[in-house]
């Protein structure tokens, strides 16, 4: 990994660790730089604002999901979507509370610019879920598929944030139900028994 990327990863890890000790709201860029013994200007080159750390955290989850993606021909669409979303959530699991606090920070009144970036983030991750799952609909079917998938992704993410079950088993079952309900729009109403049994596996 290039030194530039390695330092960015260390900065993100340090900020997450600080968030675990206190809260994401309490984390400052100055404190993060001090924890790594680097200058604020060095940190700014990687993360010009605090929310860029949040984007990097979700980018890391996107990367984990895509690294674990299997050829689409090897499984039904429902299993592909299920695996992709559970893998994405699994990549965030080590800092679940902090992840929730990041979202609350974005949603604070007055953070309109962060909310706009958040909408772009949702769209980008949904597109990567489609790619990882091998969904390739076009035209009106694609539009319906994307709308349904966005709803499934957001509902499952919200459910997972407060899921205390082992290995997020409750979230996996919740996602099964979401996919079955969205079957007419996405062709995902046939999650196989094998897919359900392996549904809690993270990447």
C-alpha atoms as a PDB file:
ATOM      1  CA  UNK A   1       0.000   0.000   0.000  1.00  0.00           C
ATOM      2  CA  UNK A   2       1.452   3.421  -0.899  1.00  0.00           C
ATOM      3  CA  UNK A   3       2.560   5.584   2.035  1.00  0.00           C
ATOM      4  CA  UNK A   4      -0.183   8.121   1.214  1.00  0.00           C
ATOM      5  CA  UNK A   5      -2.902   5.474   1.508  1.00  0.00           C
ATOM      6  CA  UNK A   6      -1.284   3.921   4.570  1.00  0.00           C
ATOM      7  CA  UNK A   7      -1.326   7.234   6.454  1.00  0.00           C
ATOM      8  CA  UNK A   8      -4.952   7.876   5.444  1.00  0.00           C
ATOM      9  CA  UNK A   9      -5.886   4.451   6.815  1.00  0.00           C
ATOM     10  CA  UNK A  10      -4.018   5.150  10.071  1.00  0.00           C
ATOM     11  CA  UNK A  11      -5.782   8.494  10.433  1.00  0.00           C
ATOM     12  CA  UNK A  12      -9.178   6.855   9.966  1.00  0.00           C
ATOM     13  CA  UNK A  13      -8.353   4.094  12.460  1.00  0.00           C
ATOM     14  CA  UNK A  14      -7.181   6.660  15.012  1.00  0.00           C
ATOM     15  CA  UNK A  15     -10.370   8.701  14.643  1.00  0.00           C
ATOM     16  CA  UNK A  16     -12.497   5.580  15.058  1.00  0.00           C
ATOM     17  CA  UNK A  17     -10.585   4.600  18.184  1.00  0.00           C
ATOM     18  CA  UNK A  18     -11.107   8.066  19.642  1.00  0.00           C
ATOM     19  CA  UNK A  19     -14.800   7.822  18.805  1.00  0.00           C
ATOM     20  CA  UNK A  20     -15.018   4.528  20.676  1.00  0.00           C
ATOM     21  CA  UNK A  21     -13.474   6.135  23.764  1.00  0.00           C
ATOM     22  CA  UNK A  22     -15.842   9.114  23.765  1.00  0.00           C
ATOM     23  CA  UNK A  23     -18.254   9.765  20.908  1.00  0.00           C
ATOM     24  CA  UNK A  24     -18.014  10.676  17.245  1.00  0.00           C
ATOM     25  CA  UNK A  25     -19.250  14.184  18.003  1.00  0.00           C
ATOM     26  CA  UNK A  26     -16.385  14.658  20.460  1.00  0.00           C
ATOM     27  CA  UNK A  27     -13.700  13.579  17.979  1.00  0.00           C
ATOM     28  CA  UNK A  28     -11.679  16.480  16.599  1.00  0.00           C
ATOM     29  CA  UNK A  29      -9.184  16.543  13.764  1.00  0.00           C
ATOM     30  CA  UNK A  30      -6.620  18.132  16.076  1.00  0.00           C
ATOM     31  CA  UNK A  31      -6.984  15.316  18.594  1.00  0.00           C
ATOM     32  CA  UNK A  32      -6.696  12.747  15.819  1.00  0.00           C
ATOM     33  CA  UNK A  33      -3.523  14.335  14.474  1.00  0.00           C
ATOM     34  CA  UNK A  34      -2.050  14.455  17.987  1.00  0.00           C
ATOM     35  CA  UNK A  35      -2.816  10.759  18.528  1.00  0.00           C
ATOM     36  CA  UNK A  36      -0.685   9.936  15.476  1.00  0.00           C
ATOM     37  CA  UNK A  37       1.975  12.581  16.120  1.00  0.00           C
ATOM     38  CA  UNK A  38       1.355  14.167  12.725  1.00  0.00           C
ATOM     39  CA  UNK A  39       0.696  17.790  11.861  1.00  0.00           C
ATOM     40  CA  UNK A  40      -2.763  19.150  11.188  1.00  0.00           C
ATOM     41  CA  UNK A  41      -1.694  20.106   7.684  1.00  0.00           C
ATOM     42  CA  UNK A  42      -0.607  16.508   7.033  1.00  0.00           C
ATOM     43  CA  UNK A  43      -4.055  15.365   8.153  1.00  0.00           C
ATOM     44  CA  UNK A  44      -5.776  18.029   6.052  1.00  0.00           C
ATOM     45  CA  UNK A  45      -4.114  16.714   2.893  1.00  0.00           C
ATOM     46  CA  UNK A  46      -5.999  13.460   3.412  1.00  0.00           C
ATOM     47  CA  UNK A  47      -9.159  14.695   5.123  1.00  0.00           C
ATOM     48  CA  UNK A  48     -10.005  18.382   4.498  1.00  0.00           C
ATOM     49  CA  UNK A  49     -13.003  18.114   6.824  1.00  0.00           C
ATOM     50  CA  UNK A  50     -14.222  15.749   9.509  1.00  0.00           C
ATOM     51  CA  UNK A  51     -16.995  14.304   7.364  1.00  0.00           C
ATOM     52  CA  UNK A  52     -14.374  13.034   4.921  1.00  0.00           C
ATOM     53  CA  UNK A  53     -13.479  10.514   7.620  1.00  0.00           C
ATOM     54  CA  UNK A  54     -17.062   9.274   7.547  1.00  0.00           C
ATOM     55  CA  UNK A  55     -16.918   8.915   3.774  1.00  0.00           C
ATOM     56  CA  UNK A  56     -13.645   7.012   4.077  1.00  0.00           C
ATOM     57  CA  UNK A  57     -15.236   4.660   6.622  1.00  0.00           C
ATOM     58  CA  UNK A  58     -18.075   3.837   4.249  1.00  0.00           C
ATOM     59  CA  UNK A  59     -15.621   3.581   1.339  1.00  0.00           C
ATOM     60  CA  UNK A  60     -13.846   0.902   3.348  1.00  0.00           C
ATOM     61  CA  UNK A  61     -17.105  -1.030   3.669  1.00  0.00           C
ATOM     62  CA  UNK A  62     -17.736  -0.679  -0.081  1.00  0.00           C
ATOM     63  CA  UNK A  63     -14.261  -2.046  -0.783  1.00  0.00           C
ATOM     64  CA  UNK A  64     -14.740  -5.021   1.540  1.00  0.00           C
ATOM     65  CA  UNK A  65     -18.052  -5.869  -0.108  1.00  0.00           C
ATOM     66  CA  UNK A  66     -16.612  -5.683  -3.613  1.00  0.00           C
ATOM     67  CA  UNK A  67     -13.534  -7.701  -2.687  1.00  0.00           C
ATOM     68  CA  UNK A  68     -15.781 -10.518  -1.486  1.00  0.00           C
ATOM     69  CA  UNK A  69     -18.168 -10.420  -4.468  1.00  0.00           C
ATOM     70  CA  UNK A  70     -18.562 -13.692  -6.353  1.00  0.00           C
ATOM     71  CA  UNK A  71     -19.455 -14.184 -10.038  1.00  0.00           C
ATOM     72  CA  UNK A  72     -23.135 -13.388 -10.508  1.00  0.00           C
ATOM     73  CA  UNK A  73     -23.770 -16.596 -12.438  1.00  0.00           C
ATOM     74  CA  UNK A  74     -23.003 -18.661  -9.342  1.00  0.00           C
ATOM     75  CA  UNK A  75     -26.079 -17.634  -7.361  1.00  0.00           C
ATOM     76  CA  UNK A  76     -29.618 -16.229  -7.618  1.00  0.00           C
ATOM     77  CA  UNK A  77     -30.036 -12.422  -7.427  1.00  0.00           C
ATOM     78  CA  UNK A  78     -31.545 -12.595  -3.943  1.00  0.00           C
ATOM     79  CA  UNK A  79     -28.512 -14.361  -2.544  1.00  0.00           C
ATOM     80  CA  UNK A  80     -26.208 -11.879  -4.261  1.00  0.00           C
ATOM     81  CA  UNK A  81     -27.990  -8.899  -2.725  1.00  0.00           C
ATOM     82  CA  UNK A  82     -28.167 -10.574   0.665  1.00  0.00           C
ATOM     83  CA  UNK A  83     -24.474 -11.448   0.676  1.00  0.00           C
ATOM     84  CA  UNK A  84     -23.463  -7.978  -0.496  1.00  0.00           C
ATOM     85  CA  UNK A  85     -25.467  -6.087   2.133  1.00  0.00           C
ATOM     86  CA  UNK A  86     -24.487  -8.392   4.997  1.00  0.00           C
ATOM     87  CA  UNK A  87     -20.846  -8.174   3.939  1.00  0.00           C
ATOM     88  CA  UNK A  88     -21.064  -4.376   3.841  1.00  0.00           C
ATOM     89  CA  UNK A  89     -22.574  -4.279   7.324  1.00  0.00           C
ATOM     90  CA  UNK A  90     -20.027  -6.784   8.586  1.00  0.00           C
ATOM     91  CA  UNK A  91     -17.230  -4.456   7.531  1.00  0.00           C
ATOM     92  CA  UNK A  92     -18.706  -1.775   9.838  1.00  0.00           C
ATOM     93  CA  UNK A  93     -19.471  -4.075  12.759  1.00  0.00           C
ATOM     94  CA  UNK A  94     -16.335  -3.307  14.779  1.00  0.00           C
ATOM     95  CA  UNK A  95     -17.547   0.276  15.215  1.00  0.00           C
ATOM     96  CA  UNK A  96     -21.328  -0.056  15.084  1.00  0.00           C
ATOM     97  CA  UNK A  97     -22.072   2.555  17.755  1.00  0.00           C
ATOM     98  CA  UNK A  98     -19.704   5.082  16.224  1.00  0.00           C
ATOM     99  CA  UNK A  99     -21.240   4.415  12.795  1.00  0.00           C
ATOM    100  CA  UNK A 100     -24.656   5.297  14.171  1.00  0.00           C
ATOM    101  CA  UNK A 101     -23.255   8.475  15.710  1.00  0.00           C
ATOM    102  CA  UNK A 102     -21.734   9.420  12.362  1.00  0.00           C
ATOM    103  CA  UNK A 103     -25.179   9.253  10.787  1.00  0.00           C
ATOM    104  CA  UNK A 104     -26.736  11.328  13.557  1.00  0.00           C
ATOM    105  CA  UNK A 105     -23.994  13.926  13.075  1.00  0.00           C
ATOM    106  CA  UNK A 106     -24.872  14.143   9.374  1.00  0.00           C
ATOM    107  CA  UNK A 107     -28.569  14.574  10.185  1.00  0.00           C
ATOM    108  CA  UNK A 108     -28.134  17.470  12.619  1.00  0.00           C
ATOM    109  CA  UNK A 109     -30.062  20.618  11.649  1.00  0.00           C
ATOM    110  CA  UNK A 110     -27.895  22.921   9.592  1.00  0.00           C
ATOM    111  CA  UNK A 111     -25.695  20.164   8.168  1.00  0.00           C
ATOM    112  CA  UNK A 112     -27.342  20.451   4.767  1.00  0.00           C
ATOM    113  CA  UNK A 113     -24.074  19.996   2.885  1.00  0.00           C
ATOM    114  CA  UNK A 114     -23.400  16.762   4.771  1.00  0.00           C
ATOM    115  CA  UNK A 115     -26.913  15.533   4.058  1.00  0.00           C
ATOM    116  CA  UNK A 116     -26.443  16.214   0.354  1.00  0.00           C
ATOM    117  CA  UNK A 117     -23.218  14.212   0.425  1.00  0.00           C
ATOM    118  CA  UNK A 118     -25.085  11.510   2.319  1.00  0.00           C
ATOM    119  CA  UNK A 119     -27.618  11.173  -0.498  1.00  0.00           C
ATOM    120  CA  UNK A 120     -24.780  10.786  -2.988  1.00  0.00           C
ATOM    121  CA  UNK A 121     -23.202   8.170  -0.728  1.00  0.00           C
ATOM    122  CA  UNK A 122     -26.418   6.150  -0.583  1.00  0.00           C
ATOM    123  CA  UNK A 123     -26.741   6.209  -4.356  1.00  0.00           C
ATOM    124  CA  UNK A 124     -23.105   5.180  -4.850  1.00  0.00           C
ATOM    125  CA  UNK A 125     -23.276   2.270  -2.418  1.00  0.00           C
ATOM    126  CA  UNK A 126     -26.560   1.038  -3.894  1.00  0.00           C
ATOM    127  CA  UNK A 127     -24.962   1.007  -7.340  1.00  0.00           C
ATOM    128  CA  UNK A 128     -22.051  -1.028  -6.006  1.00  0.00           C
ATOM    129  CA  UNK A 129     -24.479  -3.462  -4.346  1.00  0.00           C
ATOM    130  CA  UNK A 130     -26.132  -3.921  -7.751  1.00  0.00           C
ATOM    131  CA  UNK A 131     -22.747  -4.626  -9.315  1.00  0.00           C
ATOM    132  CA  UNK A 132     -21.688  -7.028  -6.560  1.00  0.00           C
ATOM    133  CA  UNK A 133     -25.004  -8.892  -6.782  1.00  0.00           C
ATOM    134  CA  UNK A 134     -24.996  -9.034 -10.571  1.00  0.00           C
ATOM    135  CA  UNK A 135     -28.236  -7.111 -11.030  1.00  0.00           C
ATOM    136  CA  UNK A 136     -28.353  -5.948 -14.639  1.00  0.00           C
ATOM    137  CA  UNK A 137     -31.901  -4.807 -15.359  1.00  0.00           C
ATOM    138  CA  UNK A 138     -32.395  -1.952 -17.804  1.00  0.00           C
ATOM    139  CA  UNK A 139     -35.067   0.660 -18.500  1.00  0.00           C
ATOM    140  CA  UNK A 140     -38.083   0.877 -16.233  1.00  0.00           C
ATOM    141  CA  UNK A 141     -37.193  -2.436 -14.570  1.00  0.00           C
ATOM    142  CA  UNK A 142     -33.823  -0.970 -13.535  1.00  0.00           C
ATOM    143  CA  UNK A 143     -35.507   2.117 -12.056  1.00  0.00           C
ATOM    144  CA  UNK A 144     -37.912  -0.028 -10.025  1.00  0.00           C
ATOM    145  CA  UNK A 145     -35.040  -2.270  -8.978  1.00  0.00           C
ATOM    146  CA  UNK A 146     -32.915   0.658  -7.787  1.00  0.00           C
ATOM    147  CA  UNK A 147     -35.787   2.198  -5.832  1.00  0.00           C
ATOM    148  CA  UNK A 148     -36.573  -1.117  -4.153  1.00  0.00           C
ATOM    149  CA  UNK A 149     -32.919  -1.835  -3.428  1.00  0.00           C
ATOM    150  CA  UNK A 150     -32.412   1.621  -1.913  1.00  0.00           C
ATOM    151  CA  UNK A 151     -35.341   1.040   0.431  1.00  0.00           C
ATOM    152  CA  UNK A 152     -34.065  -2.411   1.391  1.00  0.00           C
ATOM    153  CA  UNK A 153     -30.549  -1.133   2.008  1.00  0.00           C
ATOM    154  CA  UNK A 154     -31.670   1.784   4.194  1.00  0.00           C
ATOM    155  CA  UNK A 155     -34.203  -0.282   6.164  1.00  0.00           C
ATOM    156  CA  UNK A 156     -31.675  -3.036   6.805  1.00  0.00           C
ATOM    157  CA  UNK A 157     -28.948  -0.557   7.756  1.00  0.00           C
ATOM    158  CA  UNK A 158     -31.288   1.102  10.239  1.00  0.00           C
ATOM    159  CA  UNK A 159     -32.324  -2.254  11.704  1.00  0.00           C
ATOM    160  CA  UNK A 160     -28.707  -3.398  12.016  1.00  0.00           C
ATOM    161  CA  UNK A 161     -27.675  -0.306  13.982  1.00  0.00           C
ATOM    162  CA  UNK A 162     -29.709  -1.505  16.986  1.00  0.00           C
ATOM    163  CA  UNK A 163     -29.401  -5.273  16.437  1.00  0.00           C
ATOM    164  CA  UNK A 164     -27.894  -6.979  19.488  1.00  0.00           C
ATOM    165  CA  UNK A 165     -28.229 -10.537  18.157  1.00  0.00           C
ATOM    166  CA  UNK A 166     -25.189 -12.760  17.703  1.00  0.00           C
ATOM    167  CA  UNK A 167     -23.525 -12.273  14.299  1.00  0.00           C
ATOM    168  CA  UNK A 168     -26.393  -9.958  13.322  1.00  0.00           C
ATOM    169  CA  UNK A 169     -28.666 -12.984  12.834  1.00  0.00           C
ATOM    170  CA  UNK A 170     -31.775 -10.861  13.387  1.00  0.00           C
ATOM    171  CA  UNK A 171     -30.632  -8.441  10.700  1.00  0.00           C
ATOM    172  CA  UNK A 172     -30.069 -11.332   8.299  1.00  0.00           C
ATOM    173  CA  UNK A 173     -33.624 -12.568   8.895  1.00  0.00           C
ATOM    174  CA  UNK A 174     -34.970  -9.037   8.510  1.00  0.00           C
ATOM    175  CA  UNK A 175     -33.148  -8.721   5.188  1.00  0.00           C
ATOM    176  CA  UNK A 176     -34.597 -12.063   4.040  1.00  0.00           C
ATOM    177  CA  UNK A 177     -38.072 -10.649   4.597  1.00  0.00           C
ATOM    178  CA  UNK A 178     -37.252  -7.418   2.822  1.00  0.00           C
ATOM    179  CA  UNK A 179     -35.982  -9.268  -0.226  1.00  0.00           C
ATOM    180  CA  UNK A 180     -38.993 -11.553  -0.355  1.00  0.00           C
ATOM    181  CA  UNK A 181     -41.363  -8.587  -0.093  1.00  0.00           C
ATOM    182  CA  UNK A 182     -39.537  -6.789  -2.904  1.00  0.00           C
ATOM    183  CA  UNK A 183     -39.573  -9.839  -5.152  1.00  0.00           C
ATOM    184  CA  UNK A 184     -42.047  -8.453  -7.719  1.00  0.00           C
ATOM    185  CA  UNK A 185     -39.765  -5.460  -8.284  1.00  0.00           C
ATOM    186  CA  UNK A 186     -36.380  -7.165  -8.113  1.00  0.00           C
ATOM    187  CA  UNK A 187     -36.880 -10.861  -8.744  1.00  0.00           C
ATOM    188  CA  UNK A 188     -35.591 -11.530  -5.231  1.00  0.00           C
ATOM    189  CA  UNK A 189     -38.522 -13.399  -3.731  1.00  0.00           C
ATOM    190  CA  UNK A 190     -36.792 -16.750  -3.942  1.00  0.00           C
ATOM    191  CA  UNK A 191     -33.938 -16.711  -1.457  1.00  0.00           C
ATOM    192  CA  UNK A 192     -32.881 -20.330  -1.330  1.00  0.00           C
ATOM    193  CA  UNK A 193     -32.618 -22.356   1.865  1.00  0.00           C
ATOM    194  CA  UNK A 194     -28.861 -22.474   1.345  1.00  0.00           C
ATOM    195  CA  UNK A 195     -28.744 -18.690   1.036  1.00  0.00           C
ATOM    196  CA  UNK A 196     -30.704 -18.259   4.236  1.00  0.00           C
ATOM    197  CA  UNK A 197     -28.472 -20.649   6.144  1.00  0.00           C
ATOM    198  CA  UNK A 198     -25.343 -18.776   5.103  1.00  0.00           C
ATOM    199  CA  UNK A 199     -26.917 -15.357   5.294  1.00  0.00           C
ATOM    200  CA  UNK A 200     -25.061 -14.153   8.392  1.00  0.00           C
ATOM    201  CA  UNK A 201     -21.626 -14.769   6.911  1.00  0.00           C
ATOM    202  CA  UNK A 202     -19.704 -11.510   6.645  1.00  0.00           C
ATOM    203  CA  UNK A 203     -16.820 -10.774   4.314  1.00  0.00           C
END
